[in-house]
Amino acid sequence: MNPRERVTWHVWTLRLASVHCIAWGAGIMLFPASSADVYGFEKPVVDVHLWQGTGLVILLFGIGYGIASTDPRQHWAVVAIGLLGKILGPMGMAWTVWQGDISSRVLWLLPLNDVVWWLPFAAILRSAFHKSTGDSEAVTRQLR
């Protein structure tokens, strides 16, 4: 894959992640009770305002991915934070299920919302890292 194709792939991946998070976050914000059902939470346990706040955070990640899609290598930190969230979030959710605090029904969402992005985000970060180390090597050569 040539560098242009790779960059295009990164851009479209982040755009798709952006649309996904904006739609998912907006859905949680607009329909908190229904989304709590999808996650397997019992309605009396869910505080609507906290649940809508979670939706807002997801929506904001979507906006961040949209911004990162304009230049994935420059905005690598947004992708890194997103990847950390998509790794740590499922770990926390699995822990909560293991503790018996929520239903294991929630686990079906992890591949759909988080795990699916691990490899693409890691590839974008790898490319950004190689680009930055390549740039610093080129600068070092020019200085000699």
Protein backbone atom coordinates (compact mmCIF):
# COMPACT_ATOMS: atom_id res chain seq x y z
CA MET A 1 0.00 0.00 0.00
CA ASN A 2 1.48 3.34 -0.99
CA PRO A 3 1.53 6.23 1.52
CA ARG A 4 -1.38 8.03 -0.17
CA GLU A 5 -3.63 4.95 0.08
CA ARG A 6 -2.62 4.50 3.72
CA VAL A 7 -3.48 8.09 4.58
CA THR A 8 -6.83 7.80 2.78
CA TRP A 9 -7.58 4.60 4.72
CA HIS A 10 -6.74 6.36 8.00
CA VAL A 11 -8.98 9.30 7.14
CA TRP A 12 -11.96 7.11 6.27
CA THR A 13 -11.48 4.96 9.37
CA LEU A 14 -11.58 8.03 11.60
CA ARG A 15 -14.57 9.44 9.74
CA LEU A 16 -16.44 6.17 10.25
CA ALA A 17 -15.47 6.13 13.94
CA SER A 18 -16.68 9.72 14.18
CA VAL A 19 -20.08 8.98 12.69
CA HIS A 20 -20.40 5.85 14.83
CA CYS A 21 -19.64 7.68 18.09
CA ILE A 22 -21.76 10.72 17.27
CA ALA A 23 -24.74 8.51 16.43
CA TRP A 24 -24.24 6.24 19.46
CA GLY A 25 -23.70 9.15 21.85
CA ALA A 26 -26.68 11.08 20.50
CA GLY A 27 -28.83 7.97 20.82
CA ILE A 28 -27.88 7.59 24.47
CA MET A 29 -28.53 11.28 25.13
CA LEU A 30 -31.92 11.34 23.37
CA PHE A 31 -33.17 7.92 24.50
CA PRO A 32 -31.50 7.19 27.84
CA ALA A 33 -34.03 4.61 29.05
CA SER A 34 -33.95 2.66 25.78
CA SER A 35 -30.17 2.72 25.63
CA ALA A 36 -30.00 1.54 29.25
CA ASP A 37 -32.09 -1.45 28.15
CA VAL A 38 -29.63 -2.15 25.33
CA TYR A 39 -26.79 -2.14 27.86
CA GLY A 40 -28.73 -4.43 30.18
CA PHE A 41 -29.14 -1.90 32.99
CA GLU A 42 -32.30 -1.86 35.02
CA LYS A 43 -34.22 1.39 34.61
CA PRO A 44 -34.58 2.23 38.31
CA VAL A 45 -30.80 1.93 38.75
CA VAL A 46 -29.95 4.30 35.90
CA ASP A 47 -29.66 7.99 36.73
CA VAL A 48 -30.84 9.62 33.51
CA HIS A 49 -28.55 12.65 33.79
CA LEU A 50 -25.44 10.55 34.37
CA TRP A 51 -26.41 8.28 31.50
CA GLN A 52 -26.91 11.27 29.21
CA GLY A 53 -23.51 12.56 30.35
CA THR A 54 -22.00 9.28 29.20
CA GLY A 55 -23.70 9.79 25.85
CA LEU A 56 -22.23 13.28 25.65
CA VAL A 57 -18.70 11.95 26.27
CA ILE A 58 -19.17 9.37 23.50
CA LEU A 59 -20.49 12.08 21.17
CA LEU A 60 -17.48 14.30 21.99
CA PHE A 61 -15.11 11.43 21.15
CA GLY A 62 -16.89 11.31 17.79
CA ILE A 63 -16.22 14.99 17.23
CA GLY A 64 -12.58 14.40 18.18
CA TYR A 65 -12.28 11.57 15.65
CA GLY A 66 -13.79 13.85 13.02
CA ILE A 67 -11.15 16.48 13.76
CA ALA A 68 -8.42 13.82 13.77
CA SER A 69 -9.58 12.63 10.34
CA THR A 70 -8.43 15.95 8.85
CA ASP A 71 -4.81 14.94 9.57
CA PRO A 72 -4.46 11.63 11.44
CA ARG A 73 -0.70 11.96 11.83
CA GLN A 74 -0.89 15.43 13.33
CA HIS A 75 -3.82 14.54 15.60
CA TRP A 76 -2.35 11.24 16.78
CA ALA A 77 -3.03 12.15 20.43
CA VAL A 78 -6.80 12.08 19.81
CA VAL A 79 -6.44 8.62 18.30
CA ALA A 80 -4.25 7.49 21.23
CA ILE A 81 -6.78 8.71 23.80
CA GLY A 82 -9.55 7.02 21.82
CA LEU A 83 -7.63 3.75 21.70
CA LEU A 84 -6.99 3.90 25.44
CA GLY A 85 -10.69 4.48 26.04
CA LYS A 86 -11.60 1.62 23.76
CA ILE A 87 -9.25 -0.70 25.68
CA LEU A 88 -9.89 0.51 29.24
CA GLY A 89 -13.66 0.89 28.77
CA PRO A 90 -14.24 -2.79 27.96
CA MET A 91 -11.90 -3.78 30.78
CA GLY A 92 -14.01 -1.74 33.20
CA MET A 93 -17.23 -3.13 31.78
CA ALA A 94 -15.95 -6.71 32.02
CA TRP A 95 -14.84 -6.05 35.61
CA THR A 96 -18.29 -4.69 36.48
CA VAL A 97 -19.93 -7.79 34.97
CA TRP A 98 -17.48 -10.06 36.82
CA GLN A 99 -18.34 -8.27 40.08
CA GLY A 100 -22.02 -8.99 39.39
CA ASP A 101 -22.97 -5.31 39.32
CA ILE A 102 -24.49 -5.47 35.82
CA SER A 103 -25.80 -8.13 33.49
CA SER A 104 -23.43 -9.98 31.18
CA ARG A 105 -25.83 -8.95 28.38
CA VAL A 106 -23.71 -5.81 28.02
CA LEU A 107 -20.73 -7.79 26.76
CA TRP A 108 -22.15 -8.13 23.24
CA LEU A 109 -21.63 -4.40 22.79
CA LEU A 110 -17.88 -4.52 23.40
CA PRO A 111 -16.88 -5.91 19.99
CA LEU A 112 -19.33 -3.55 18.24
CA ASN A 113 -18.29 -0.33 19.98
CA ASP A 114 -14.72 -0.88 21.12
CA VAL A 115 -12.78 -3.96 20.02
CA VAL A 116 -13.51 -3.32 16.34
CA TRP A 117 -11.40 -0.14 16.53
CA TRP A 118 -8.31 -1.57 18.27
CA LEU A 119 -6.38 -2.63 15.16
CA PRO A 120 -7.29 0.35 12.94
CA PHE A 121 -6.45 2.89 15.66
CA ALA A 122 -3.20 1.05 16.48
CA ALA A 123 -2.29 1.11 12.77
CA ILE A 124 -2.93 4.85 12.59
CA LEU A 125 -0.76 5.41 15.67
CA ARG A 126 1.98 3.19 14.23
CA SER A 127 1.95 5.21 11.03
CA ALA A 128 2.06 8.48 12.95
CA PHE A 129 4.97 7.19 15.02
CA HIS A 130 6.90 6.07 11.94
CA LYS A 131 6.21 9.39 10.26
CA SER A 132 7.46 11.34 13.28
CA THR A 133 10.60 9.24 13.70
CA GLY A 134 11.22 9.46 9.96
CA ASP A 135 10.86 13.24 10.11
CA SER A 136 13.29 13.54 13.02
CA GLU A 137 15.81 11.33 11.20
CA ALA A 138 15.52 13.56 8.12
CA VAL A 139 16.05 16.67 10.25
CA THR A 140 19.08 15.06 11.90
CA ARG A 141 20.55 14.25 8.46
CA GLN A 142 19.98 17.83 7.30
CA LEU A 143 21.74 19.22 10.36
CA ARG A 144 24.88 17.19 9.67
